[in-house]
Structure formats: C-alpha cells, structure tokens
C-alpha cells in the first residue's frame, strides 16, 4: 500500500473528495490508545482499523506521534486528526499562563480595567528558573503563604509539591545562577510556581476539582462545544493546611488518589457533574449556582481566545480538551490547567459509560460520515457555546440581539438526554436504514 508523502492518505480504494452532504461509507482509522477511545472506534458502523503503515482517514493519536509526524504528513481534504499542531500553547502550564497574561494586558488596553478583571481566574504564577527573582520578591511580600510547584510538561500529579520556605526550592536558585551554556547542558526542567489556593471549597471536609470537556473544531473562526457531563474529583483525605506534604490531601488527580490506602476502586472518588450541581443548588440556591457556571463558561472562552492567534489553525484538526477547575470558599472558579490528552481510561462502570458517550459524540461532531448540516447547536451531549461569537439558546421567540432574555447555550451539569436528541438529529449511517 503506497502513501502520498509520509503518512499520506490517498487510499487505494479510489476515494473521491466528499461533496457537501455526501457521506463516507468506509472510514479507515488509526488509534494509538488502548482504552475507551478504541472501544468506540471498533464499534462505529463502517469504520475499519488500519495497522502500522496502513493508510487512514482518521487518526486518534498521542501528542508524541503528532510531534514526530505532523510536519511531514500530507493530508487530503477529508482527513481528520485529534490535535492541533501546537496545542501546547494552551496545555503546557508555563505557556498557558504566558498567553493568559498577554491576553489580559490586551483586554485591559482595548476594553478597560473592568473587562480585564474578567480574566483574573488563574493563580499568581511564575516560571522557574527564569522568573526566580521576580518570584522571590513576591514571596517576601507574603511570608507564611503556601506555594505549589508543578513541572510544566508532566501530568497526573507527577513532580508536584507544596512549600512555604525558599530553602525547599534552592535547586532552582542554583540553576538560575548558571550560565546559559551550563543550563543547556544540564537541561534544567522548568516548573511553574503558583500561589496555592488555601481556601478551597470543601464537601464533607474534602477538596475537589472539576474536570470539564471542551471540543474545539476550529480556531479561525473559533468554534467550541461544551459537554454536559463531567465530574468532580475528590481527595480521599480531609483537607488541612497543617500538613503540606500529604499528596492525598492536596492533589485531586485520580492517578494520585487511587494509590491511597483507603481508595475504593468500585466507589472511586468522583461525583458526576449533575450530582455536584444539585448539591450546590440545594446549598446555595439556583441563582448563585447559575452565576458560578457563567463564570466557569467565561474561563473556557477567554482561555481559548488567549491562544486563538497563536494556535496554528488547520481544517484537519480538532481537539478535545480536559479543563481542570477549582472552586474556592467564595465560589470563585480558578483555572488550574488544560489537558490536551485528558484521561479517557475509565475508573469504574459509570466513568466508562460517560467517557464512551463523550468520545462517541466527539465523532458525531467531527462527522466523517457527513450526517450533519453544520448549523447544529447541539449534538448529543455537546452544546455549541461559541461560533465566532457567543451562541444563545432559543428562548421561545424572545431571542433578539442584545435582548436581556438571551441565555448562553451551555448546559454543564444539566440533563443529558443525548440518545433521544441523537435519534431526532442524525441521519442513518451510510448504508443503514433509519430505525
């Protein structure tokens, strides 16, 4: 089987470029993951897996494959791949903060300070070793405060620790005083150091964060979908600042918590987003919780806008981001990080079913089969929240531009009757009769 250039994707079966509205009856896919993603791809009608050097139409790859192959690949019009070329502008901790800081300055310059305040949703952050001296100045202004260190390019809680004394990070000070040549030779690992949120919102005395899924199918124009389901990830141990060395208290990553002595694999340490929203509504009232979720929506849109001009837009690419959001005692949401490869391995049956539906609906939107019109505001569990501008719900004839009745088309933690909606929305797969 021959390729057109490296990873070229002109098939041996005489495929023609798809006309508008014309479906593809056979989709050849490649997948480097051995988890729920592969299960969904295996069971999708008309999709056929190709191995190793086989030619493909759709590739759910890891970021390592992308880094090694993307620039050398020719892709035909219909081909799709699950990452943007420089996704790391949003998903590497140091670059995310750099882009957010620059975006905030732009907003303040163009729209004023009141608008720029809406960008204050990430903790005070410095990159080490390069910003060590700036960090020290701030550290000395707030003695006794807690800070958290995170490697910029690692995940699942690896390498993270808390500290209150400068002596705990003396290695980075040493690195900072080396010459550039010495630093290059030593390949010093970059970290971000952030002001630790010391007053997290607690449920039953335990800290948690939110994992939310955003699907971006274009950056120019920006087109983003918000998934209705998600979950809160809890620590196994009650929160306390008395000990800052206990990762089971301070880190909510499932990869960390599942190693805790008291971890129950059947029960897990998660609440579905709907359960969390019901809990918060019962405790604080509908209005307060609706305002909280509007603030969370604001984080999604502004973070995507912060990288809109630096991400290399490519019609072949889409990205399913995993956002990590932390709430403090005042119900202010904070952006902790954005993941380009959120874990799609299930921790229990409920988790499997949620992630299976998430991946399935992602494929519906990517729409290799040509079953959508392109005008949809909802596909399964996804709601279109931004389409080169905010997207609003259809409020029974009250929707007019600038109307006070306009409500954002987002339903995070709302009812997800996706199967019913998909039955009404989708044409049958090519070659299938409508049920």
Protein backbone atom coordinates (compact mmCIF):
# COMPACT_ATOMS: atom_id res chain seq x y z
CA UNK A 1 0.00 0.00 0.00
CA UNK A 2 1.62 3.24 -1.10
CA UNK A 3 1.44 6.61 0.56
CA UNK A 4 1.44 10.04 -0.97
CA UNK A 5 4.27 11.57 1.05
CA UNK A 6 4.89 10.50 4.66
CA UNK A 7 1.63 9.40 6.24
CA UNK A 8 -0.05 10.41 3.00
CA UNK A 9 -3.62 9.47 2.84
CA UNK A 10 -4.76 8.89 -0.64
CA UNK A 11 -6.37 5.50 -0.39
CA UNK A 12 -6.12 2.51 -2.69
CA UNK A 13 -9.89 2.30 -2.99
CA UNK A 14 -10.44 5.19 -5.37
CA UNK A 15 -11.97 7.50 -2.76
CA UNK A 16 -13.14 10.80 -4.18
CA UNK A 17 -13.20 14.01 -2.17
CA UNK A 18 -16.50 14.18 -0.32
CA UNK A 19 -19.08 16.51 -1.76
CA UNK A 20 -21.18 18.63 0.60
CA UNK A 21 -23.65 16.40 2.41
CA UNK A 22 -22.19 13.22 0.94
CA UNK A 23 -21.28 10.57 3.49
CA UNK A 24 -18.25 8.31 3.60
CA UNK A 25 -19.38 4.69 3.84
CA UNK A 26 -15.97 3.39 4.97
CA UNK A 27 -13.68 5.28 7.32
CA UNK A 28 -10.20 3.89 7.91
CA UNK A 29 -8.93 4.83 11.33
CA UNK A 30 -5.72 4.61 13.30
CA UNK A 31 -5.61 4.77 17.10
CA UNK A 32 -2.59 4.73 19.40
CA UNK A 33 -4.64 4.42 22.62
CA UNK A 34 -5.73 1.17 24.22
CA UNK A 35 -8.75 2.41 26.16
CA UNK A 36 -12.32 3.64 25.75
CA UNK A 37 -11.41 5.51 22.54
CA UNK A 38 -10.51 2.26 20.81
CA UNK A 39 -13.76 0.63 22.03
CA UNK A 40 -15.82 3.41 20.46
CA UNK A 41 -13.89 3.28 17.18
CA UNK A 42 -14.19 -0.51 17.00
CA UNK A 43 -17.96 -0.33 17.35
CA UNK A 44 -18.67 2.54 14.98
CA UNK A 45 -20.53 1.32 11.87
CA UNK A 46 -18.43 1.39 8.72
CA UNK A 47 -15.16 2.22 10.48
CA UNK A 48 -12.20 -0.08 9.85
CA UNK A 49 -8.95 -0.12 11.83
CA UNK A 50 -5.66 0.01 9.98
CA UNK A 51 -2.37 -1.12 11.49
CA UNK A 52 1.06 0.48 11.49
CA UNK A 53 1.75 1.86 8.00
CA UNK A 54 -1.79 1.45 6.70
CA UNK A 55 -3.39 4.47 5.08
CA UNK A 56 -6.01 6.21 7.18
CA UNK A 57 -8.75 8.83 7.08
CA UNK A 58 -8.96 9.46 10.84
CA UNK A 59 -6.22 9.31 13.47
CA UNK A 60 -6.71 9.45 17.24
CA UNK A 61 -3.03 9.79 18.02
CA UNK A 62 -0.99 10.73 21.06
CA UNK A 63 0.93 14.02 21.14
CA UNK A 64 4.24 12.16 20.69
CA UNK A 65 3.10 10.85 17.29
CA UNK A 66 1.94 14.31 16.34
CA UNK A 67 5.29 15.87 17.24
CA UNK A 68 7.21 13.35 15.14
CA UNK A 69 4.95 13.06 12.11
CA UNK A 70 2.63 16.02 11.60
CA UNK A 71 5.05 18.30 9.77
CA UNK A 72 6.00 15.51 7.36
CA UNK A 73 2.45 14.40 6.54
CA UNK A 74 0.29 15.21 3.56
CA UNK A 75 -3.40 15.04 4.35
CA UNK A 76 -6.24 15.05 1.88
CA UNK A 77 -9.27 17.25 2.36
CA UNK A 78 -11.36 14.75 4.32
CA UNK A 79 -8.66 13.55 6.76
CA UNK A 80 -9.03 14.37 10.48
CA UNK A 81 -6.59 14.18 13.40
CA UNK A 82 -7.23 14.75 17.10
CA UNK A 83 -4.71 17.53 17.94
CA UNK A 84 -3.75 20.94 16.64
CA UNK A 85 -0.11 21.21 15.70
CA UNK A 86 0.89 23.49 18.59
CA UNK A 87 -1.79 22.52 21.11
CA UNK A 88 0.83 23.02 23.85
CA UNK A 89 0.30 26.81 23.72
CA UNK A 90 -2.72 26.12 25.93
CA UNK A 91 -1.82 22.82 27.54
CA UNK A 92 1.72 23.42 28.79
CA UNK A 93 1.40 25.13 32.15
CA UNK A 94 4.00 27.82 31.50
CA UNK A 95 2.75 28.69 28.01
CA UNK A 96 -0.87 28.77 29.15
CA UNK A 97 -0.02 31.38 31.79
CA UNK A 98 2.15 33.37 29.36
CA UNK A 99 -0.71 33.54 26.86
CA UNK A 100 -3.30 34.38 29.53
CA UNK A 101 -1.14 37.22 30.90
CA UNK A 102 -0.63 38.66 27.44
CA UNK A 103 -4.34 38.34 26.65
CA UNK A 104 -5.28 40.14 29.87
CA UNK A 105 -2.99 43.06 29.01
CA UNK A 106 -4.58 43.26 25.55
CA UNK A 107 -8.09 43.25 27.02
CA UNK A 108 -7.20 45.99 29.51
CA UNK A 109 -5.65 48.13 26.79
CA UNK A 110 -8.57 47.71 24.38
CA UNK A 111 -11.58 47.39 26.69
CA UNK A 112 -10.53 48.79 30.06
CA UNK A 113 -9.78 47.52 33.53
CA UNK A 114 -13.31 46.35 34.37
CA UNK A 115 -13.30 43.99 31.40
CA UNK A 116 -9.76 42.81 32.19
CA UNK A 117 -10.87 41.76 35.68
CA UNK A 118 -12.88 39.01 33.97
CA UNK A 119 -9.52 37.45 33.07
CA UNK A 120 -8.43 37.11 36.72
CA UNK A 121 -9.21 33.41 37.00
CA UNK A 122 -5.73 31.90 37.32
CA UNK A 123 -3.49 32.00 40.42
CA UNK A 124 -0.42 34.24 40.67
CA UNK A 125 2.19 32.27 38.70
CA UNK A 126 5.92 32.43 37.94
CA UNK A 127 8.09 30.23 35.72
CA UNK A 128 11.23 28.81 37.32
CA UNK A 129 14.13 29.10 36.99
CA UNK A 130 13.75 32.06 34.59
CA UNK A 131 11.49 34.16 36.86
CA UNK A 132 13.05 33.13 40.15
CA UNK A 133 13.97 36.65 41.22
CA UNK A 134 10.50 38.01 40.45
CA UNK A 135 9.02 35.16 42.45
CA UNK A 136 11.28 35.87 45.45
CA UNK A 137 10.12 39.49 45.55
CA UNK A 138 6.51 38.38 45.75
CA UNK A 139 7.30 35.58 48.18
CA UNK A 140 8.82 38.04 50.65
CA UNK A 141 5.73 40.25 50.50
CA UNK A 142 3.54 37.43 51.83
CA UNK A 143 5.53 35.48 54.46
CA UNK A 144 3.97 32.22 55.62
CA UNK A 145 1.89 31.74 52.47
CA UNK A 146 1.75 28.37 50.77
CA UNK A 147 3.03 27.89 47.22
CA UNK A 148 2.75 24.94 44.86
CA UNK A 149 5.44 23.76 42.39
CA UNK A 150 4.48 21.95 39.16
CA UNK A 151 6.65 20.67 36.31
CA UNK A 152 5.42 22.39 33.15
CA UNK A 153 5.28 19.28 30.97
CA UNK A 154 4.24 16.46 33.29
CA UNK A 155 0.76 15.21 34.16
CA UNK A 156 -1.17 13.05 36.64
CA UNK A 157 0.25 14.93 39.61
CA UNK A 158 3.86 13.85 38.94
CA UNK A 159 6.54 16.10 40.44
CA UNK A 160 4.10 18.42 42.26
CA UNK A 161 4.82 19.58 45.80
CA UNK A 162 3.86 22.37 48.21
CA UNK A 163 6.26 24.59 50.17
CA UNK A 164 6.45 27.61 52.46
CA UNK A 165 10.21 28.16 52.69
CA UNK A 166 12.65 29.24 49.97
CA UNK A 167 15.17 26.63 51.06
CA UNK A 168 12.79 23.99 49.69
CA UNK A 169 13.47 25.17 46.13
CA UNK A 170 17.17 26.02 46.36
CA UNK A 171 17.92 23.74 43.39
CA UNK A 172 16.10 26.19 41.09
CA UNK A 173 18.05 29.10 42.54
CA UNK A 174 21.26 27.27 41.67
CA UNK A 175 20.02 26.68 38.14
CA UNK A 176 19.17 30.35 37.81
CA UNK A 177 22.75 31.45 38.54
CA UNK A 178 24.32 29.18 35.91
CA UNK A 179 25.43 30.43 32.54
CA UNK A 180 23.18 29.71 29.54
CA UNK A 181 25.61 27.05 28.30
CA UNK A 182 25.59 25.30 31.68
CA UNK A 183 21.80 25.37 31.77
CA UNK A 184 21.60 23.88 28.28
CA UNK A 185 23.98 21.09 29.24
CA UNK A 186 22.06 20.30 32.40
CA UNK A 187 18.67 20.50 30.64
CA UNK A 188 17.04 22.08 33.67
CA UNK A 189 13.39 21.11 33.97
CA UNK A 190 11.08 24.13 34.00
CA UNK A 191 8.47 24.48 36.71
CA UNK A 192 5.66 26.87 37.41
CA UNK A 193 5.27 28.08 40.97
CA UNK A 194 1.80 29.27 41.89
CA UNK A 195 0.16 30.84 44.88
CA UNK A 196 -1.66 27.89 46.46
CA UNK A 197 -5.40 28.37 46.92
CA UNK A 198 -5.58 27.94 50.69
CA UNK A 199 -9.36 28.24 50.97
CA UNK A 200 -10.79 25.62 48.59
CA UNK A 201 -14.50 24.86 48.65
CA UNK A 202 -14.91 21.64 50.65
CA UNK A 203 -17.59 18.97 50.57
CA UNK A 204 -17.60 16.71 53.62
CA UNK A 205 -14.27 18.29 54.53
CA UNK A 206 -12.56 17.18 51.33
CA UNK A 207 -11.04 19.15 48.49
CA UNK A 208 -12.12 18.54 44.90
CA UNK A 209 -11.71 19.96 41.42
CA UNK A 210 -13.82 19.76 38.28
CA UNK A 211 -12.94 18.02 35.04
CA UNK A 212 -14.84 19.56 32.13
CA UNK A 213 -14.59 18.72 28.42
CA UNK A 214 -14.39 21.27 25.61
CA UNK A 215 -14.23 20.29 21.95
CA UNK A 216 -12.66 22.80 19.55
CA UNK A 217 -13.16 22.14 15.85
CA UNK A 218 -11.71 25.44 14.61
CA UNK A 219 -9.70 28.38 15.94
CA UNK A 220 -10.24 30.66 12.93
CA UNK A 221 -13.09 31.24 13.39
CA UNK A 222 -13.27 29.91 16.95
CA UNK A 223 -15.83 27.14 17.27
CA UNK A 224 -16.13 25.45 20.66
CA UNK A 225 -18.51 22.88 22.14
CA UNK A 226 -19.11 22.26 25.86
CA UNK A 227 -20.01 18.76 27.10
CA UNK A 228 -22.89 18.46 29.56
CA UNK A 229 -21.25 15.71 31.59
CA UNK A 230 -18.05 15.91 33.58
CA UNK A 231 -17.12 15.13 37.15
CA UNK A 232 -15.72 16.38 40.42
CA UNK A 233 -12.55 14.59 41.57
CA UNK A 234 -12.23 14.34 45.35
CA UNK A 235 -9.28 13.76 47.60
CA UNK A 236 -9.52 10.75 49.91
CA UNK A 237 -8.34 12.67 52.96
CA UNK A 238 -9.90 15.63 54.77
CA UNK A 239 -8.36 18.98 53.89
CA UNK A 240 -5.91 20.66 56.23
CA UNK A 241 -3.07 23.14 55.86
CA UNK A 242 -1.33 21.70 58.91
CA UNK A 243 0.48 19.25 56.69
CA UNK A 244 1.55 20.31 53.21
CA UNK A 245 3.45 17.11 52.43
CA UNK A 246 0.43 14.80 52.13
CA UNK A 247 -0.45 14.47 48.44
CA UNK A 248 -3.68 12.64 49.32
CA UNK A 249 -4.91 15.87 50.96
CA UNK A 250 -3.88 18.41 48.34
CA UNK A 251 -3.84 16.67 44.93
CA UNK A 252 -7.13 15.51 43.45
CA UNK A 253 -5.65 13.69 40.41
CA UNK A 254 -7.17 10.21 40.13
CA UNK A 255 -3.70 8.84 39.34
CA UNK A 256 -2.62 10.04 42.80
CA UNK A 257 -5.77 9.25 44.77
CA UNK A 258 -6.09 5.67 43.54
CA UNK A 259 -2.81 4.86 45.32
CA UNK A 260 -4.24 5.99 48.66
CA UNK A 261 -4.65 3.21 51.26
CA UNK A 262 -8.38 3.98 51.65
CA UNK A 263 -9.16 4.16 47.92
CA UNK A 264 -12.17 2.07 46.85
CA UNK A 265 -11.93 1.24 43.10
CA UNK A 266 -15.65 0.46 42.84
CA UNK A 267 -16.78 3.66 44.52
CA UNK A 268 -13.91 5.78 43.19
CA UNK A 269 -13.52 9.40 44.26
CA UNK A 270 -15.79 11.15 41.75
CA UNK A 271 -19.16 12.80 41.59
CA UNK A 272 -20.90 13.24 38.25
CA UNK A 273 -21.32 16.91 37.33
CA UNK A 274 -25.11 16.66 37.66
CA UNK A 275 -24.74 15.45 41.26
CA UNK A 276 -22.40 18.31 42.11
CA UNK A 277 -24.70 20.91 40.56
CA UNK A 278 -27.69 19.55 42.51
CA UNK A 279 -25.67 19.65 45.75
CA UNK A 280 -24.53 23.25 45.19
CA UNK A 281 -28.04 24.35 44.19
CA UNK A 282 -29.58 22.81 47.31
CA UNK A 283 -27.00 24.59 49.46
CA UNK A 284 -26.69 27.98 47.76
CA UNK A 285 -29.77 28.41 45.55
CA UNK A 286 -30.35 28.42 41.81
CA UNK A 287 -29.24 31.99 41.12
CA UNK A 288 -25.86 31.65 42.87
CA UNK A 289 -25.07 28.40 41.07
CA UNK A 290 -26.13 29.77 37.68
CA UNK A 291 -23.76 32.72 38.20
CA UNK A 292 -20.98 30.29 39.18
CA UNK A 293 -21.45 28.29 35.99
CA UNK A 294 -21.47 31.51 33.92
CA UNK A 295 -18.10 32.34 35.49
CA UNK A 296 -16.85 28.87 34.51
CA UNK A 297 -18.07 29.45 30.93
CA UNK A 298 -16.10 32.70 30.94
CA UNK A 299 -12.93 30.75 31.76
CA UNK A 300 -13.42 28.44 28.78
CA UNK A 301 -13.99 31.19 26.24
CA UNK A 302 -11.30 33.60 27.42
CA UNK A 303 -8.66 30.88 27.71
CA UNK A 304 -9.39 29.77 24.13
CA UNK A 305 -9.33 33.38 22.93
CA UNK A 306 -5.95 33.84 24.63
CA UNK A 307 -4.38 31.34 22.20
CA UNK A 308 -6.62 31.93 19.20
CA UNK A 309 -3.97 33.96 17.34
CA UNK A 310 -1.06 31.65 18.18
CA UNK A 311 -2.59 28.20 17.59
CA UNK A 312 -1.90 27.04 14.03
CA UNK A 313 -5.41 26.55 12.71
CA UNK A 314 -5.81 23.56 10.40
CA UNK A 315 -9.08 22.24 8.99
CA UNK A 316 -7.81 18.68 9.51
CA UNK A 317 -7.52 19.15 13.29
CA UNK A 318 -9.81 19.09 16.29
CA UNK A 319 -9.02 18.99 19.99
CA UNK A 320 -10.87 17.51 22.97
CA UNK A 321 -9.56 19.46 25.97
CA UNK A 322 -9.88 18.43 29.59
CA UNK A 323 -10.20 21.55 31.77
CA UNK A 324 -9.39 21.39 35.49
CA UNK A 325 -11.28 23.98 37.54
CA UNK A 326 -11.02 24.55 41.31
CA UNK A 327 -13.66 26.35 43.40
CA UNK A 328 -12.76 28.40 46.46
CA UNK A 329 -14.91 29.08 49.52
CA UNK A 330 -16.40 32.15 47.84
CA UNK A 331 -17.50 30.02 44.87
CA UNK A 332 -14.94 31.69 42.63
CA UNK A 333 -13.71 29.28 39.94
CA UNK A 334 -9.97 29.07 39.21
CA UNK A 335 -8.35 27.58 36.11
CA UNK A 336 -5.74 25.07 37.25
CA UNK A 337 -4.71 23.62 33.89
CA UNK A 338 -5.88 22.43 30.48
CA UNK A 339 -5.07 18.92 29.24
CA UNK A 340 -4.53 18.02 25.57
CA UNK A 341 -4.78 14.33 26.39
CA UNK A 342 -7.33 14.05 29.20
CA UNK A 343 -7.51 10.53 30.59
CA UNK A 344 -10.14 8.55 28.71
CA UNK A 345 -9.42 5.36 30.65
CA UNK A 346 -12.36 4.54 32.90
CA UNK A 347 -12.07 4.10 36.66
CA UNK A 348 -15.46 2.35 37.05
CA UNK A 349 -18.59 1.48 35.05
CA UNK A 350 -20.23 4.92 35.36
CA UNK A 351 -16.99 6.56 34.30
CA UNK A 352 -16.75 4.21 31.31
CA UNK A 353 -20.27 5.00 30.13
CA UNK A 354 -19.71 8.75 30.43
CA UNK A 355 -16.41 8.66 28.55
CA UNK A 356 -17.79 6.31 25.91
CA UNK A 357 -20.63 8.77 25.22
CA UNK A 358 -18.18 11.70 25.22
CA UNK A 359 -15.98 10.09 22.57
CA UNK A 360 -18.96 8.93 20.52
CA UNK A 361 -20.41 12.46 20.46
CA UNK A 362 -16.98 13.87 19.55
CA UNK A 363 -17.01 11.61 16.48
CA UNK A 364 -20.55 12.73 15.65
CA UNK A 365 -19.35 16.37 15.55
CA UNK A 366 -16.17 15.60 13.60
CA UNK A 367 -18.68 13.94 11.25
CA UNK A 368 -16.57 11.84 8.91
CA UNK A 369 -19.81 10.35 7.55
CA UNK A 370 -21.37 13.68 6.50
CA UNK A 371 -24.58 13.39 8.51
CA UNK A 372 -24.74 16.95 9.90
CA UNK A 373 -25.81 20.19 8.23
CA UNK A 374 -23.21 22.35 10.03
CA UNK A 375 -25.93 24.51 11.61
CA UNK A 376 -26.49 22.36 14.72
CA UNK A 377 -26.37 24.00 18.17
CA UNK A 378 -26.47 20.65 19.93
CA UNK A 379 -25.07 17.22 19.05
CA UNK A 380 -25.64 14.53 21.68
CA UNK A 381 -24.13 15.74 24.95
CA UNK A 382 -22.31 18.67 23.32
CA UNK A 383 -23.73 22.19 23.14
CA UNK A 384 -22.21 24.77 20.79
CA UNK A 385 -21.09 27.59 23.11
CA UNK A 386 -19.07 29.74 20.69
CA UNK A 387 -19.25 30.07 16.93
CA UNK A 388 -17.19 33.15 16.05
CA UNK A 389 -19.23 34.77 18.83
CA UNK A 390 -21.47 33.64 21.71
CA UNK A 391 -24.23 31.15 20.95
CA UNK A 392 -27.57 31.61 22.70
CA UNK A 393 -30.43 29.29 23.48
CA UNK A 394 -33.66 29.67 21.57
CA UNK A 395 -35.90 31.21 24.19
CA UNK A 396 -39.34 30.80 22.74
CA UNK A 397 -39.18 33.80 20.42
CA UNK A 398 -37.52 36.11 22.95
CA UNK A 399 -34.09 35.83 21.36
CA UNK A 400 -33.19 39.12 19.74
CA UNK A 401 -29.76 40.66 19.54
CA UNK A 402 -28.94 42.38 22.82
CA UNK A 403 -32.10 41.09 24.47
CA UNK A 404 -31.93 40.72 28.26
CA UNK A 405 -33.60 37.35 27.78
CA UNK A 406 -30.61 35.89 25.95
CA UNK A 407 -29.14 32.88 27.73
CA UNK A 408 -25.87 31.20 26.81
CA UNK A 409 -26.26 27.87 25.05
CA UNK A 410 -24.46 25.95 27.81
CA UNK A 411 -25.80 23.17 30.00
CA UNK A 412 -22.87 21.95 32.08
CA UNK A 413 -24.28 19.63 34.74
CA UNK A 414 -27.71 19.73 33.10
CA UNK A 415 -29.86 16.88 31.82
CA UNK A 416 -28.04 14.86 29.17
CA UNK A 417 -30.75 13.11 27.16
CA UNK A 418 -28.26 12.56 24.37
CA UNK A 419 -29.71 9.33 22.94
CA UNK A 420 -33.12 10.91 22.39
CA UNK A 421 -31.57 14.00 20.85
CA UNK A 422 -29.32 11.99 18.54
CA UNK A 423 -32.25 9.89 17.29
CA UNK A 424 -34.01 13.08 16.24
CA UNK A 425 -30.90 14.74 14.82
CA UNK A 426 -28.87 12.23 12.87
CA UNK A 427 -29.47 10.67 9.54
CA UNK A 428 -28.66 6.93 9.48
CA UNK A 429 -25.07 5.86 8.94
CA UNK A 430 -24.36 5.35 5.21
CA UNK A 431 -25.83 2.01 4.21
CA UNK A 432 -28.12 1.79 7.28
CA UNK A 433 -31.90 2.10 7.38
CA UNK A 434 -33.38 4.65 9.76
CA UNK A 435 -34.78 2.95 12.85
